[in-house]
Protein backbone atom coordinates (compact mmCIF):
# COMPACT_ATOMS: atom_id res chain seq x y z
CA MET A 1 -16.46 -67.72 43.16
CA VAL A 2 -13.51 -70.06 42.81
CA LEU A 3 -11.29 -70.84 39.84
CA ALA A 4 -12.46 -73.87 37.86
CA GLU A 5 -9.35 -75.92 38.61
CA THR A 6 -10.36 -76.04 42.30
CA CYS A 7 -14.06 -76.60 41.61
CA ASP A 8 -15.43 -79.80 43.10
CA GLU A 9 -18.89 -80.72 41.85
CA ALA A 10 -19.57 -82.97 44.87
CA PRO A 11 -20.55 -80.10 47.23
CA PHE A 12 -23.09 -78.76 44.69
CA LEU A 13 -20.75 -76.52 42.73
CA ARG A 14 -20.88 -75.87 39.02
CA CYS A 15 -18.36 -74.35 36.67
CA ILE A 16 -19.53 -71.37 34.60
CA SER A 17 -17.07 -69.47 32.41
CA GLY A 18 -14.10 -70.75 34.41
CA ASN A 19 -15.60 -69.98 37.82
CA CYS A 20 -17.41 -72.16 40.31
CA SER A 21 -20.72 -71.24 41.87
CA CYS A 22 -23.44 -73.01 43.81
CA THR A 23 -26.02 -74.89 41.76
CA ASN A 24 -28.73 -73.49 44.05
CA ALA A 25 -28.57 -69.71 43.50
CA ILE A 26 -29.74 -69.04 47.08
CA ASP A 27 -26.82 -70.93 48.65
CA VAL A 28 -23.57 -69.29 49.78
CA TYR A 29 -20.20 -70.75 48.72
CA GLU A 30 -17.95 -71.02 51.78
CA GLU A 31 -14.39 -71.27 50.55
CA GLU A 32 -12.93 -72.43 53.89
CA ARG A 33 -15.43 -75.33 53.99
CA ARG A 34 -15.28 -75.88 50.21
CA GLN A 35 -19.03 -76.24 50.07
CA CYS A 36 -22.27 -74.48 49.30
CA SER A 37 -24.26 -73.74 52.45
CA THR A 38 -27.80 -72.59 53.23
CA PRO A 39 -27.82 -68.92 54.25
CA GLY A 40 -29.38 -67.61 57.45
CA GLY A 41 -33.16 -67.38 57.33
CA TYR A 42 -33.64 -70.22 54.84
CA ALA A 43 -35.08 -73.72 55.29
CA CYS A 44 -32.83 -76.56 56.47
CA LYS A 45 -32.97 -80.15 57.69
CA GLU A 46 -29.77 -80.17 59.77
CA THR A 47 -27.10 -77.76 61.03
CA SER A 48 -24.40 -79.07 58.66
CA GLU A 49 -26.37 -77.50 55.77
CA CYS A 50 -26.23 -74.00 57.29
CA VAL A 51 -23.51 -71.39 56.85
CA THR A 52 -20.70 -71.25 59.42
CA ASN A 53 -21.83 -69.94 62.83
CA ALA A 54 -25.48 -70.85 62.18
CA ILE A 55 -27.65 -73.71 63.43
CA CYS A 56 -30.73 -75.36 61.98
CA LYS A 57 -33.50 -74.47 64.42
CA GLY A 58 -36.31 -76.98 64.24
CA HIS A 59 -39.84 -76.07 63.23
CA PRO A 60 -42.20 -75.56 66.19
CA ALA A 61 -44.65 -78.04 64.63
CA GLY A 62 -42.14 -80.89 64.91
CA LYS A 63 -39.50 -82.89 63.09
CA ASP A 64 -41.68 -83.56 60.04
CA PHE A 65 -41.24 -79.92 59.03
CA LEU A 66 -38.13 -78.07 57.84
CA GLY A 67 -36.31 -75.81 60.26
CA ARG A 68 -34.52 -72.51 59.53
CA CYS A 69 -30.84 -71.64 59.60
CA ILE A 70 -30.35 -69.03 62.32
CA CYS A 71 -27.15 -67.38 63.50
CA ARG A 72 -25.67 -68.56 66.80
CA GLU A 73 -26.04 -66.25 69.80
CA ALA A 74 -22.79 -64.27 69.37
CA PHE A 75 -23.39 -63.74 65.63
CA THR A 76 -25.72 -61.69 63.47
CA LEU A 77 -27.09 -62.21 59.96
CA GLN A 78 -25.14 -60.32 57.27
CA GLN A 79 -26.55 -59.07 53.95
CA ASN A 80 -24.85 -61.93 52.07
CA GLY A 81 -26.58 -64.58 54.21
CA THR A 82 -23.56 -65.42 56.37
CA CYS A 83 -23.34 -65.00 60.15
CA GLY A 84 -20.82 -62.39 61.30
CA VAL A 85 -19.67 -61.52 64.80
CA LYS A 86 -22.07 -59.16 66.59
CA VAL A 87 -20.65 -55.72 67.27
CA PRO A 88 -21.65 -54.61 70.78
CA VAL A 89 -23.89 -51.55 70.93
CA GLY A 90 -21.81 -48.40 71.45
CA SER A 91 -18.55 -49.91 70.18
CA VAL A 92 -16.70 -48.55 67.17
CA GLU A 93 -15.65 -50.89 64.38
CA ALA A 94 -11.99 -50.69 63.36
CA ASP A 95 -11.26 -49.66 59.76
């Protein structure tokens, strides 16, 4: 969430009790992009809708159907719907 003074309603944000959040509860607010984005695994029309490091993969039945936001090859879906860097198997994450 972002303080209300920086809230811009154009990218689908709303101000609630002095904080900004996405009008679509499923979406993820990406502060660096200042926009609400579709999380990984959810329906999309184009890549610009998806969270950072994700692409909108088209539906196998064709362009008349919605695609899905999927993480790019070097990234993996996180619990919050964003795409984080994959940690190679056998490596230890730094604290």
